PDB file of N, CA and C in Angstrom:
ATOM      1  N   MET A   1      17.977  35.237  16.578  1.00  0.00           N
ATOM      2  CA  MET A   1      16.952  34.416  15.968  1.00  0.00           C
ATOM      3  C   MET A   1      15.580  35.008  16.335  1.00  0.00           C
ATOM      4  N   THR A   2      14.750  35.221  15.334  1.00  0.00           N
ATOM      5  CA  THR A   2      13.421  35.774  15.536  1.00  0.00           C
ATOM      6  C   THR A   2      12.438  34.661  15.860  1.00  0.00           C
ATOM      7  N   GLU A   3      11.623  34.886  16.915  1.00  0.00           N
ATOM      8  CA  GLU A   3      10.566  33.941  17.256  1.00  0.00           C
ATOM      9  C   GLU A   3       9.219  34.567  16.946  1.00  0.00           C
ATOM     10  N   ARG A   4       8.236  33.714  16.746  1.00  0.00           N
ATOM     11  CA  ARG A   4       6.868  34.184  16.553  1.00  0.00           C
ATOM     12  C   ARG A   4       5.913  33.239  17.255  1.00  0.00           C
ATOM     13  N   LEU A   5       4.673  33.665  17.381  1.00  0.00           N
ATOM     14  CA  LEU A   5       3.640  32.886  18.048  1.00  0.00           C
ATOM     15  C   LEU A   5       3.041  31.870  17.088  1.00  0.00           C
ATOM     16  N   TYR A   6       2.923  30.640  17.555  1.00  0.00           N
ATOM     17  CA  TYR A   6       2.316  29.547  16.799  1.00  0.00           C
ATOM     18  C   TYR A   6       1.211  28.913  17.643  1.00  0.00           C
ATOM     19  N   ALA A   7       0.377  28.119  16.989  1.00  0.00           N
ATOM     20  CA  ALA A   7      -0.611  27.281  17.679  1.00  0.00           C
ATOM     21  C   ALA A   7      -0.556  25.894  17.060  1.00  0.00           C
ATOM     22  N   VAL A   8      -0.710  24.905  17.906  1.00  0.00           N
ATOM     23  CA  VAL A   8      -0.707  23.519  17.440  1.00  0.00           C
ATOM     24  C   VAL A   8      -1.881  22.804  18.084  1.00  0.00           C
ATOM     25  N   ARG A   9      -2.477  21.878  17.333  1.00  0.00           N
ATOM     26  CA  ARG A   9      -3.647  21.141  17.808  1.00  0.00           C
ATOM     27  C   ARG A   9      -3.306  19.680  18.017  1.00  0.00           C
ATOM     28  N   GLY A  10      -4.124  19.039  18.841  1.00  0.00           N
ATOM     29  CA  GLY A  10      -3.985  17.612  19.044  1.00  0.00           C
ATOM     30  C   GLY A  10      -5.239  17.032  19.658  1.00  0.00           C
ATOM     31  N   ALA A  11      -5.356  15.714  19.600  1.00  0.00           N
ATOM     32  CA  ALA A  11      -6.507  15.036  20.192  1.00  0.00           C
ATOM     33  C   ALA A  11      -6.169  13.581  20.468  1.00  0.00           C
ATOM     34  N   THR A  12      -6.908  13.026  21.410  1.00  0.00           N
ATOM     35  CA  THR A  12      -6.814  11.610  21.717  1.00  0.00           C
ATOM     36  C   THR A  12      -8.186  11.128  22.162  1.00  0.00           C
ATOM     37  N   GLN A  13      -8.429   9.851  21.996  1.00  0.00           N
ATOM     38  CA  GLN A  13      -9.655   9.246  22.497  1.00  0.00           C
ATOM     39  C   GLN A  13      -9.265   8.371  23.682  1.00  0.00           C
ATOM     40  N   VAL A  14      -9.969   8.548  24.808  1.00  0.00           N
ATOM     41  CA  VAL A  14      -9.669   7.758  26.002  1.00  0.00           C
ATOM     42  C   VAL A  14     -10.668   6.610  26.124  1.00  0.00           C
ATOM     43  N   SER A  15     -10.293   5.628  26.928  1.00  0.00           N
ATOM     44  CA  SER A  15     -11.074   4.390  27.011  1.00  0.00           C
ATOM     45  C   SER A  15     -12.342   4.503  27.838  1.00  0.00           C
ATOM     46  N   SER A  16     -12.366   5.439  28.810  1.00  0.00           N
ATOM     47  CA  SER A  16     -13.540   5.526  29.683  1.00  0.00           C
ATOM     48  C   SER A  16     -13.569   6.859  30.414  1.00  0.00           C
ATOM     49  N   ASN A  17     -14.707   7.152  31.012  1.00  0.00           N
ATOM     50  CA  ASN A  17     -14.883   8.341  31.840  1.00  0.00           C
ATOM     51  C   ASN A  17     -14.376   8.021  33.241  1.00  0.00           C
ATOM     52  N   ASP A  18     -13.068   7.931  33.343  1.00  0.00           N
ATOM     53  CA  ASP A  18     -12.398   7.545  34.569  1.00  0.00           C
ATOM     54  C   ASP A  18     -11.246   8.529  34.784  1.00  0.00           C
ATOM     55  N   VAL A  19     -11.002   8.905  36.035  1.00  0.00           N
ATOM     56  CA  VAL A  19      -9.945   9.865  36.340  1.00  0.00           C
ATOM     57  C   VAL A  19      -8.625   9.446  35.708  1.00  0.00           C
ATOM     58  N   ASN A  20      -8.217   8.199  35.930  1.00  0.00           N
ATOM     59  CA  ASN A  20      -6.929   7.746  35.402  1.00  0.00           C
ATOM     60  C   ASN A  20      -6.904   7.713  33.883  1.00  0.00           C
ATOM     61  N   ALA A  21      -7.985   7.311  33.249  1.00  0.00           N
ATOM     62  CA  ALA A  21      -8.030   7.281  31.786  1.00  0.00           C
ATOM     63  C   ALA A  21      -7.882   8.688  31.219  1.00  0.00           C
ATOM     64  N   ILE A  22      -8.567   9.651  31.806  1.00  0.00           N
ATOM     65  CA  ILE A  22      -8.492  11.036  31.337  1.00  0.00           C
ATOM     66  C   ILE A  22      -7.100  11.610  31.567  1.00  0.00           C
ATOM     67  N   LEU A  23      -6.557  11.428  32.759  1.00  0.00           N
ATOM     68  CA  LEU A  23      -5.229  11.977  33.059  1.00  0.00           C
ATOM     69  C   LEU A  23      -4.144  11.298  32.237  1.00  0.00           C
ATOM     70  N   ASP A  24      -4.173   9.979  32.151  1.00  0.00           N
ATOM     71  CA  ASP A  24      -3.148   9.260  31.394  1.00  0.00           C
ATOM     72  C   ASP A  24      -3.220   9.599  29.900  1.00  0.00           C
ATOM     73  N   GLY A  25      -4.432   9.650  29.354  1.00  0.00           N
ATOM     74  CA  GLY A  25      -4.590   9.979  27.940  1.00  0.00           C
ATOM     75  C   GLY A  25      -4.144  11.391  27.623  1.00  0.00           C
ATOM     76  N   THR A  26      -4.504  12.333  28.484  1.00  0.00           N
ATOM     77  CA  THR A  26      -4.100  13.724  28.278  1.00  0.00           C
ATOM     78  C   THR A  26      -2.595  13.874  28.411  1.00  0.00           C
ATOM     79  N   GLU A  27      -2.022  13.206  29.394  1.00  0.00           N
ATOM     80  CA  GLU A  27      -0.575  13.279  29.587  1.00  0.00           C
ATOM     81  C   GLU A  27       0.168  12.701  28.378  1.00  0.00           C
ATOM     82  N   GLU A  28      -0.292  11.572  27.868  1.00  0.00           N
ATOM     83  CA  GLU A  28       0.331  10.982  26.679  1.00  0.00           C
ATOM     84  C   GLU A  28       0.247  11.946  25.497  1.00  0.00           C
ATOM     85  N   LEU A  29      -0.914  12.553  25.295  1.00  0.00           N
ATOM     86  CA  LEU A  29      -1.101  13.503  24.208  1.00  0.00           C
ATOM     87  C   LEU A  29      -0.149  14.685  24.343  1.00  0.00           C
ATOM     88  N   LEU A  30      -0.083  15.277  25.530  1.00  0.00           N
ATOM     89  CA  LEU A  30       0.787  16.435  25.723  1.00  0.00           C
ATOM     90  C   LEU A  30       2.261  16.085  25.569  1.00  0.00           C
ATOM     91  N   ARG A  31       2.671  14.956  26.112  1.00  0.00           N
ATOM     92  CA  ARG A  31       4.077  14.544  25.965  1.00  0.00           C
ATOM     93  C   ARG A  31       4.449  14.407  24.489  1.00  0.00           C
ATOM     94  N   GLU A  32       3.585  13.769  23.720  1.00  0.00           N
ATOM     95  CA  GLU A  32       3.863  13.557  22.300  1.00  0.00           C
ATOM     96  C   GLU A  32       3.849  14.889  21.543  1.00  0.00           C
ATOM     97  N   LEU A  33       2.867  15.739  21.816  1.00  0.00           N
ATOM     98  CA  LEU A  33       2.782  17.039  21.163  1.00  0.00           C
ATOM     99  C   LEU A  33       4.016  17.889  21.492  1.00  0.00           C
ATOM    100  N   MET A  34       4.433  17.885  22.761  1.00  0.00           N
ATOM    101  CA  MET A  34       5.605  18.647  23.165  1.00  0.00           C
ATOM    102  C   MET A  34       6.869  18.087  22.518  1.00  0.00           C
ATOM    103  N   SER A  35       6.981  16.780  22.425  1.00  0.00           N
ATOM    104  CA  SER A  35       8.142  16.153  21.806  1.00  0.00           C
ATOM    105  C   SER A  35       8.226  16.487  20.317  1.00  0.00           C
ATOM    106  N   ARG A  36       7.117  16.335  19.612  1.00  0.00           N
ATOM    107  CA  ARG A  36       7.101  16.590  18.170  1.00  0.00           C
ATOM    108  C   ARG A  36       7.406  18.044  17.831  1.00  0.00           C
ATOM    109  N   ASN A  37       7.092  18.951  18.756  1.00  0.00           N
ATOM    110  CA  ASN A  37       7.286  20.377  18.506  1.00  0.00           C
ATOM    111  C   ASN A  37       8.450  20.970  19.289  1.00  0.00           C
ATOM    112  N   ASN A  38       9.230  20.100  19.961  1.00  0.00           N
ATOM    113  CA  ASN A  38      10.380  20.532  20.745  1.00  0.00           C
ATOM    114  C   ASN A  38       9.997  21.660  21.713  1.00  0.00           C
ATOM    115  N   LEU A  39       8.906  21.443  22.462  1.00  0.00           N
ATOM    116  CA  LEU A  39       8.357  22.465  23.354  1.00  0.00           C
ATOM    117  C   LEU A  39       8.713  22.213  24.807  1.00  0.00           C
ATOM    118  N   ASP A  40       8.862  23.294  25.528  1.00  0.00           N
ATOM    119  CA  ASP A  40       8.941  23.227  26.987  1.00  0.00           C
ATOM    120  C   ASP A  40       8.037  24.329  27.541  1.00  0.00           C
ATOM    121  N   ALA A  41       7.794  24.290  28.826  1.00  0.00           N
ATOM    122  CA  ALA A  41       6.849  25.211  29.460  1.00  0.00           C
ATOM    123  C   ALA A  41       7.243  26.670  29.264  1.00  0.00           C
ATOM    124  N   ASP A  42       8.529  26.961  29.205  1.00  0.00           N
ATOM    125  CA  ASP A  42       8.982  28.345  29.066  1.00  0.00           C
ATOM    126  C   ASP A  42       8.550  28.994  27.756  1.00  0.00           C
ATOM    127  N   HIS A  43       8.273  28.206  26.733  1.00  0.00           N
ATOM    128  CA  HIS A  43       7.867  28.753  25.440  1.00  0.00           C
ATOM    129  C   HIS A  43       6.354  28.724  25.225  1.00  0.00           C
ATOM    130  N   MET A  44       5.633  28.090  26.148  1.00  0.00           N
ATOM    131  CA  MET A  44       4.180  27.981  26.006  1.00  0.00           C
ATOM    132  C   MET A  44       3.487  29.231  26.533  1.00  0.00           C
ATOM    133  N   VAL A  45       2.481  29.670  25.795  1.00  0.00           N
ATOM    134  CA  VAL A  45       1.685  30.836  26.176  1.00  0.00           C
ATOM    135  C   VAL A  45       0.411  30.397  26.879  1.00  0.00           C
ATOM    136  N   SER A  46      -0.264  29.373  26.333  1.00  0.00           N
ATOM    137  CA  SER A  46      -1.499  28.873  26.933  1.00  0.00           C
ATOM    138  C   SER A  46      -1.881  27.532  26.307  1.00  0.00           C
ATOM    139  N   CYS A  47      -2.741  26.805  27.017  1.00  0.00           N
ATOM    140  CA  CYS A  47      -3.298  25.539  26.529  1.00  0.00           C
ATOM    141  C   CYS A  47      -4.807  25.581  26.740  1.00  0.00           C
ATOM    142  N   ILE A  48      -5.542  25.293  25.690  1.00  0.00           N
ATOM    143  CA  ILE A  48      -6.996  25.205  25.771  1.00  0.00           C
ATOM    144  C   ILE A  48      -7.381  23.753  25.500  1.00  0.00           C
ATOM    145  N   PHE A  49      -8.086  23.165  26.449  1.00  0.00           N
ATOM    146  CA  PHE A  49      -8.545  21.782  26.332  1.00  0.00           C
ATOM    147  C   PHE A  49     -10.048  21.763  26.109  1.00  0.00           C
ATOM    148  N   THR A  50     -10.510  20.812  25.307  1.00  0.00           N
ATOM    149  CA  THR A  50     -11.935  20.515  25.256  1.00  0.00           C
ATOM    150  C   THR A  50     -12.091  19.007  25.449  1.00  0.00           C
ATOM    151  N   SER A  51     -13.249  18.628  25.946  1.00  0.00           N
ATOM    152  CA  SER A  51     -13.570  17.208  26.038  1.00  0.00           C
ATOM    153  C   SER A  51     -15.037  17.030  25.671  1.00  0.00           C
ATOM    154  N   THR A  52     -15.351  15.858  25.161  1.00  0.00           N
ATOM    155  CA  THR A  52     -16.729  15.564  24.799  1.00  0.00           C
ATOM    156  C   THR A  52     -17.571  15.426  26.070  1.00  0.00           C
ATOM    157  N   ASP A  53     -18.884  15.555  25.922  1.00  0.00           N
ATOM    158  CA  ASP A  53     -19.796  15.565  27.074  1.00  0.00           C
ATOM    159  C   ASP A  53     -19.711  14.321  27.946  1.00  0.00           C
ATOM    160  N   ASP A  54     -19.280  13.207  27.395  1.00  0.00           N
ATOM    161  CA  ASP A  54     -19.238  11.966  28.168  1.00  0.00           C
ATOM    162  C   ASP A  54     -18.018  11.883  29.088  1.00  0.00           C
ATOM    163  N   LEU A  55     -17.127  12.869  29.043  1.00  0.00           N
ATOM    164  CA  LEU A  55     -15.938  12.878  29.902  1.00  0.00           C
ATOM    165  C   LEU A  55     -16.041  13.998  30.939  1.00  0.00           C
ATOM    166  N   ASN A  56     -16.340  13.615  32.169  1.00  0.00           N
ATOM    167  CA  ASN A  56     -16.456  14.629  33.221  1.00  0.00           C
ATOM    168  C   ASN A  56     -15.862  14.176  34.552  1.00  0.00           C
ATOM    169  N   ALA A  57     -15.081  13.103  34.550  1.00  0.00           N
ATOM    170  CA  ALA A  57     -14.509  12.585  35.799  1.00  0.00           C
ATOM    171  C   ALA A  57     -13.324  13.421  36.288  1.00  0.00           C
ATOM    172  N   GLU A  58     -12.671  14.169  35.374  1.00  0.00           N
ATOM    173  CA  GLU A  58     -11.513  14.992  35.754  1.00  0.00           C
ATOM    174  C   GLU A  58     -11.265  16.047  34.692  1.00  0.00           C
ATOM    175  N   PHE A  59     -10.609  17.122  35.087  1.00  0.00           N
ATOM    176  CA  PHE A  59     -10.197  18.171  34.162  1.00  0.00           C
ATOM    177  C   PHE A  59      -8.913  17.740  33.450  1.00  0.00           C
ATOM    178  N   PRO A  60      -8.848  17.821  32.118  1.00  0.00           N
ATOM    179  CA  PRO A  60      -7.597  17.508  31.424  1.00  0.00           C
ATOM    180  C   PRO A  60      -6.426  18.385  31.879  1.00  0.00           C
ATOM    181  N   ALA A  61      -6.700  19.585  32.322  1.00  0.00           N
ATOM    182  CA  ALA A  61      -5.634  20.489  32.765  1.00  0.00           C
ATOM    183  C   ALA A  61      -4.845  19.923  33.945  1.00  0.00           C
ATOM    184  N   VAL A  62      -5.447  19.050  34.723  1.00  0.00           N
ATOM    185  CA  VAL A  62      -4.733  18.432  35.853  1.00  0.00           C
ATOM    186  C   VAL A  62      -3.520  17.659  35.327  1.00  0.00           C
ATOM    187  N   ALA A  63      -3.676  16.986  34.192  1.00  0.00           N
ATOM    188  CA  ALA A  63      -2.558  16.247  33.595  1.00  0.00           C
ATOM    189  C   ALA A  63      -1.450  17.202  33.170  1.00  0.00           C
ATOM    190  N   ALA A  64      -1.816  18.355  32.646  1.00  0.00           N
ATOM    191  CA  ALA A  64      -0.811  19.340  32.248  1.00  0.00           C
ATOM    192  C   ALA A  64      -0.012  19.820  33.455  1.00  0.00           C
ATOM    193  N   ARG A  65      -0.691  20.031  34.559  1.00  0.00           N
ATOM    194  CA  ARG A  65       0.016  20.444  35.782  1.00  0.00           C
ATOM    195  C   ARG A  65       0.980  19.350  36.244  1.00  0.00           C
ATOM    196  N   ARG A  66       0.559  18.092  36.104  1.00  0.00           N
ATOM    197  CA  ARG A  66       1.442  16.971  36.484  1.00  0.00           C
ATOM    198  C   ARG A  66       2.710  16.945  35.637  1.00  0.00           C
ATOM    199  N   LEU A  67       2.644  17.506  34.431  1.00  0.00           N
ATOM    200  CA  LEU A  67       3.807  17.554  33.549  1.00  0.00           C
ATOM    201  C   LEU A  67       4.655  18.807  33.779  1.00  0.00           C
ATOM    202  N   GLY A  68       4.297  19.614  34.762  1.00  0.00           N
ATOM    203  CA  GLY A  68       5.082  20.803  35.061  1.00  0.00           C
ATOM    204  C   GLY A  68       4.614  22.068  34.371  1.00  0.00           C
ATOM    205  N   LEU A  69       3.409  22.056  33.819  1.00  0.00           N
ATOM    206  CA  LEU A  69       2.886  23.238  33.136  1.00  0.00           C
ATOM    207  C   LEU A  69       2.055  24.113  34.071  1.00  0.00           C
ATOM    208  N   ASP A  70       2.392  24.123  35.345  1.00  0.00           N
ATOM    209  CA  ASP A  70       1.606  24.861  36.337  1.00  0.00           C
ATOM    210  C   ASP A  70       1.719  26.376  36.192  1.00  0.00           C
ATOM    211  N   GLN A  71       2.692  26.893  35.436  1.00  0.00           N
ATOM    212  CA  GLN A  71       2.812  28.335  35.207  1.00  0.00           C
ATOM    213  C   GLN A  71       2.215  28.759  33.860  1.00  0.00           C
ATOM    214  N   VAL A  72       1.714  27.787  33.102  1.00  0.00           N
ATOM    215  CA  VAL A  72       1.087  28.048  31.811  1.00  0.00           C
ATOM    216  C   VAL A  72      -0.421  28.179  32.038  1.00  0.00           C
ATOM    217  N   PRO A  73      -1.053  29.254  31.562  1.00  0.00           N
ATOM    218  CA  PRO A  73      -2.505  29.355  31.701  1.00  0.00           C
ATOM    219  C   PRO A  73      -3.210  28.196  30.982  1.00  0.00           C
ATOM    220  N   LEU A  74      -4.101  27.521  31.701  1.00  0.00           N
ATOM    221  CA  LEU A  74      -4.803  26.347  31.192  1.00  0.00           C
ATOM    222  C   LEU A  74      -6.305  26.590  31.285  1.00  0.00           C
ATOM    223  N   LEU A  75      -7.041  26.144  30.288  1.00  0.00           N
ATOM    224  CA  LEU A  75      -8.484  26.328  30.275  1.00  0.00           C
ATOM    225  C   LEU A  75      -9.144  25.068  29.733  1.00  0.00           C
ATOM    226  N   CYS A  76     -10.189  24.608  30.421  1.00  0.00           N
ATOM    227  CA  CYS A  76     -10.957  23.436  29.980  1.00  0.00           C
ATOM    228  C   CYS A  76     -12.348  23.875  29.552  1.00  0.00           C
ATOM    229  N   ASN A  77     -12.815  23.316  28.449  1.00  0.00           N
ATOM    230  CA  ASN A  77     -14.138  23.608  27.889  1.00  0.00           C
ATOM    231  C   ASN A  77     -14.797  22.326  27.427  1.00  0.00           C
ATOM    232  N   ARG A  78     -16.081  22.415  27.123  1.00  0.00           N
ATOM    233  CA  ARG A  78     -16.836  21.316  26.531  1.00  0.00           C
ATOM    234  C   ARG A  78     -16.791  21.420  25.021  1.00  0.00           C
ATOM    235  N   GLU A  79     -16.629  20.288  24.367  1.00  0.00           N
ATOM    236  CA  GLU A  79     -16.720  20.221  22.914  1.00  0.00           C
ATOM    237  C   GLU A  79     -18.200  20.264  22.545  1.00  0.00           C
ATOM    238  N   LEU A  80     -18.530  20.783  21.373  1.00  0.00           N
ATOM    239  CA  LEU A  80     -19.908  20.761  20.911  1.00  0.00           C
ATOM    240  C   LEU A  80     -20.399  19.323  20.825  1.00  0.00           C
ATOM    241  N   ASP A  81     -21.620  19.084  21.256  1.00  0.00           N
ATOM    242  CA  ASP A  81     -22.204  17.744  21.239  1.00  0.00           C
ATOM    243  C   ASP A  81     -22.916  17.521  19.903  1.00  0.00           C
ATOM    244  N   VAL A  82     -22.138  17.260  18.874  1.00  0.00           N
ATOM    245  CA  VAL A  82     -22.666  17.083  17.526  1.00  0.00           C
ATOM    246  C   VAL A  82     -23.093  15.617  17.355  1.00  0.00           C
ATOM    247  N   PRO A  83     -24.330  15.378  16.898  1.00  0.00           N
ATOM    248  CA  PRO A  83     -24.778  14.001  16.696  1.00  0.00           C
ATOM    249  C   PRO A  83     -23.840  13.236  15.776  1.00  0.00           C
ATOM    250  N   GLY A  84     -23.472  12.032  16.195  1.00  0.00           N
ATOM    251  CA  GLY A  84     -22.611  11.175  15.401  1.00  0.00           C
ATOM    252  C   GLY A  84     -21.120  11.442  15.552  1.00  0.00           C
ATOM    253  N   ALA A  85     -20.756  12.465  16.317  1.00  0.00           N
ATOM    254  CA  ALA A  85     -19.334  12.771  16.495  1.00  0.00           C
ATOM    255  C   ALA A  85     -18.664  11.715  17.381  1.00  0.00           C
ATOM    256  N   MET A  86     -17.357  11.570  17.226  1.00  0.00           N
ATOM    257  CA  MET A  86     -16.586  10.628  18.029  1.00  0.00           C
ATOM    258  C   MET A  86     -16.733  10.967  19.510  1.00  0.00           C
ATOM    259  N   ARG A  87     -16.910   9.961  20.335  1.00  0.00           N
ATOM    260  CA  ARG A  87     -17.074  10.113  21.775  1.00  0.00           C
ATOM    261  C   ARG A  87     -15.739   9.949  22.490  1.00  0.00           C
ATOM    262  N   SER A  88     -15.698  10.368  23.739  1.00  0.00           N
ATOM    263  CA  SER A  88     -14.547  10.176  24.634  1.00  0.00           C
ATOM    264  C   SER A  88     -13.261  10.794  24.092  1.00  0.00           C
ATOM    265  N   VAL A  89     -13.398  11.992  23.540  1.00  0.00           N
ATOM    266  CA  VAL A  89     -12.260  12.670  22.918  1.00  0.00           C
ATOM    267  C   VAL A  89     -11.839  13.885  23.743  1.00  0.00           C
ATOM    268  N   ILE A  90     -10.529  14.000  23.934  1.00  0.00           N
ATOM    269  CA  ILE A  90      -9.923  15.175  24.549  1.00  0.00           C
ATOM    270  C   ILE A  90      -9.106  15.862  23.464  1.00  0.00           C
ATOM    271  N   ARG A  91      -9.353  17.146  23.295  1.00  0.00           N
ATOM    272  CA  ARG A  91      -8.614  17.943  22.313  1.00  0.00           C
ATOM    273  C   ARG A  91      -7.819  19.011  23.044  1.00  0.00           C
ATOM    274  N   VAL A  92      -6.755  19.476  22.397  1.00  0.00           N
ATOM    275  CA  VAL A  92      -5.961  20.552  22.974  1.00  0.00           C
ATOM    276  C   VAL A  92      -5.476  21.469  21.855  1.00  0.00           C
ATOM    277  N   MET A  93      -5.384  22.760  22.174  1.00  0.00           N
ATOM    278  CA  MET A  93      -4.710  23.723  21.320  1.00  0.00           C
ATOM    279  C   MET A  93      -3.689  24.435  22.199  1.00  0.00           C
ATOM    280  N   VAL A  94      -2.437  24.385  21.786  1.00  0.00           N
ATOM    281  CA  VAL A  94      -1.342  24.986  22.544  1.00  0.00           C
ATOM    282  C   VAL A  94      -0.808  26.169  21.747  1.00  0.00           C
ATOM    283  N   HIS A  95      -0.707  27.327  22.414  1.00  0.00           N
ATOM    284  CA  HIS A  95      -0.072  28.505  21.831  1.00  0.00           C
ATOM    285  C   HIS A  95       1.343  28.581  22.384  1.00  0.00           C
ATOM    286  N   TYR A  96       2.313  28.846  21.517  1.00  0.00           N
ATOM    287  CA  TYR A  96       3.709  28.828  21.944  1.00  0.00           C
ATOM    288  C   TYR A  96       4.572  29.664  21.008  1.00  0.00           C
ATOM    289  N   TYR A  97       5.740  30.024  21.506  1.00  0.00           N
ATOM    290  CA  TYR A  97       6.728  30.726  20.701  1.00  0.00           C
ATOM    291  C   TYR A  97       7.769  29.735  20.195  1.00  0.00           C
ATOM    292  N   ALA A  98       8.141  29.914  18.926  1.00  0.00           N
ATOM    293  CA  ALA A  98       9.169  29.081  18.305  1.00  0.00           C
ATOM    294  C   ALA A  98       9.859  29.919  17.232  1.00  0.00           C
ATOM    295  N   PRO A  99      11.024  29.478  16.793  1.00  0.00           N
ATOM    296  CA  PRO A  99      11.732  30.229  15.752  1.00  0.00           C
ATOM    297  C   PRO A  99      10.897  30.371  14.486  1.00  0.00           C
ATOM    298  N   GLU A 100      11.031  31.516  13.854  1.00  0.00           N
ATOM    299  CA  GLU A 100      10.339  31.746  12.598  1.00  0.00           C
ATOM    300  C   GLU A 100      10.694  30.632  11.617  1.00  0.00           C
ATOM    301  N   GLY A 101       9.696  30.137  10.898  1.00  0.00           N
ATOM    302  CA  GLY A 101       9.901  29.046   9.961  1.00  0.00           C
ATOM    303  C   GLY A 101       9.576  27.669  10.531  1.00  0.00           C
ATOM    304  N   HIS A 102       9.313  27.620  11.847  1.00  0.00           N
ATOM    305  CA  HIS A 102       8.914  26.367  12.493  1.00  0.00           C
ATOM    306  C   HIS A 102       7.611  25.864  11.855  1.00  0.00           C
ATOM    307  N   ALA A 103       7.481  24.574  11.687  1.00  0.00           N
ATOM    308  CA  ALA A 103       6.248  23.979  11.162  1.00  0.00           C
ATOM    309  C   ALA A 103       5.562  23.215  12.288  1.00  0.00           C
ATOM    310  N   PRO A 104       4.415  23.700  12.789  1.00  0.00           N
ATOM    311  CA  PRO A 104       3.728  22.999  13.880  1.00  0.00           C
ATOM    312  C   PRO A 104       3.390  21.561  13.494  1.00  0.00           C
ATOM    313  N   ALA A 105       3.689  20.643  14.411  1.00  0.00           N
ATOM    314  CA  ALA A 105       3.391  19.224  14.197  1.00  0.00           C
ATOM    315  C   ALA A 105       2.150  18.867  15.003  1.00  0.00           C
ATOM    316  N   HIS A 106       0.983  18.922  14.349  1.00  0.00           N
ATOM    317  CA  HIS A 106      -0.272  18.570  15.002  1.00  0.00           C
ATOM    318  C   HIS A 106      -0.220  17.100  15.389  1.00  0.00           C
ATOM    319  N   THR A 107      -0.855  16.769  16.509  1.00  0.00           N
ATOM    320  CA  THR A 107      -0.681  15.442  17.105  1.00  0.00           C
ATOM    321  C   THR A 107      -2.033  14.813  17.416  1.00  0.00           C
ATOM    322  N   TYR A 108      -2.421  13.849  16.608  1.00  0.00           N
ATOM    323  CA  TYR A 108      -3.670  13.111  16.801  1.00  0.00           C
ATOM    324  C   TYR A 108      -3.300  11.658  17.036  1.00  0.00           C
ATOM    325  N   LEU A 109      -3.657  11.158  18.206  1.00  0.00           N
ATOM    326  CA  LEU A 109      -3.248   9.815  18.609  1.00  0.00           C
ATOM    327  C   LEU A 109      -4.377   8.796  18.468  1.00  0.00           C
ATOM    328  N   GLY A 110      -4.007   7.554  18.187  1.00  0.00           N
ATOM    329  CA  GLY A 110      -4.972   6.453  18.163  1.00  0.00           C
ATOM    330  C   GLY A 110      -6.150   6.715  17.248  1.00  0.00           C
ATOM    331  N   GLU A 111      -7.343   6.388  17.743  1.00  0.00           N
ATOM    332  CA  GLU A 111      -8.564   6.566  16.958  1.00  0.00           C
ATOM    333  C   GLU A 111      -8.834   8.025  16.611  1.00  0.00           C
ATOM    334  N   ALA A 112      -8.287   8.949  17.375  1.00  0.00           N
ATOM    335  CA  ALA A 112      -8.495  10.376  17.106  1.00  0.00           C
ATOM    336  C   ALA A 112      -7.833  10.810  15.800  1.00  0.00           C
ATOM    337  N   GLN A 113      -6.959   9.983  15.242  1.00  0.00           N
ATOM    338  CA  GLN A 113      -6.382  10.304  13.932  1.00  0.00           C
ATOM    339  C   GLN A 113      -7.471  10.437  12.877  1.00  0.00           C
ATOM    340  N   LYS A 114      -8.591   9.749  13.086  1.00  0.00           N
ATOM    341  CA  LYS A 114      -9.710   9.821  12.134  1.00  0.00           C
ATOM    342  C   LYS A 114     -10.330  11.213  12.091  1.00  0.00           C
ATOM    343  N   LEU A 115     -10.116  12.019  13.145  1.00  0.00           N
ATOM    344  CA  LEU A 115     -10.657  13.375  13.172  1.00  0.00           C
ATOM    345  C   LEU A 115      -9.963  14.271  12.160  1.00  0.00           C
ATOM    346  N   ARG A 116      -8.731  13.950  11.845  1.00  0.00           N
ATOM    347  CA  ARG A 116      -7.941  14.739  10.886  1.00  0.00           C
ATOM    348  C   ARG A 116      -7.227  13.807   9.927  1.00  0.00           C
ATOM    349  N   ALA A 117      -8.001  13.133   9.101  1.00  0.00           N
ATOM    350  CA  ALA A 117      -7.429  12.196   8.132  1.00  0.00           C
ATOM    351  C   ALA A 117      -6.439  12.889   7.198  1.00  0.00           C
ATOM    352  N   ASP A 118      -6.633  14.200   7.000  1.00  0.00           N
ATOM    353  CA  ASP A 118      -5.717  14.943   6.125  1.00  0.00           C
ATOM    354  C   ASP A 118      -4.318  15.035   6.723  1.00  0.00           C
ATOM    355  N   LEU A 119      -4.176  14.836   8.021  1.00  0.00           N
ATOM    356  CA  LEU A 119      -2.876  14.875   8.678  1.00  0.00           C
ATOM    357  C   LEU A 119      -2.305  13.486   8.921  1.00  0.00           C
ATOM    358  N   HIS A 120      -3.045  12.453   8.592  1.00  0.00           N
ATOM    359  CA  HIS A 120      -2.658  11.080   8.950  1.00  0.00           C
ATOM    360  C   HIS A 120      -1.261  10.727   8.477  1.00  0.00           C
ATOM    361  N   SER A 121      -0.879  11.176   7.305  1.00  0.00           N
ATOM    362  CA  SER A 121       0.447  10.815   6.791  1.00  0.00           C
ATOM    363  C   SER A 121       1.560  11.401   7.659  1.00  0.00           C
ATOM    364  N   ALA A 122       1.248  12.441   8.422  1.00  0.00           N
ATOM    365  CA  ALA A 122       2.259  13.063   9.295  1.00  0.00           C
ATOM    366  C   ALA A 122       2.277  12.458  10.677  1.00  0.00           C
ATOM    367  N   GLN A 123       1.388  11.525  10.970  1.00  0.00           N
ATOM    368  CA  GLN A 123       1.305  10.950  12.307  1.00  0.00           C
ATOM    369  C   GLN A 123       2.326   9.919  12.473  1.00  0.00           C
TER     370      GLN A 123
END
């Protein structure tokens, strides 16, 4: 079976700039994204996280490590601070290997579904 490199996106909005809110929200997002895409750490190449400027109590990557992704390269960045953009959002892009023909299942949870209304029917 031939595998190829894929990327999948996801996002969630957390309730507050609190360590537990950030970790719990990120963990929920990653669990759902991994479930929808039948992913495990062995097939992941990297995870890139962004968060809006109002979230600085913890790194989203800490949640990934709690899920056992400690051997996957993780990177946290700031999202662009665009006026009027949704606040308290954590985004992720995961690069991974999967069988050719796999269809990435992007994962937008809760209010973050509004960020990708074009994908809403797949949520």
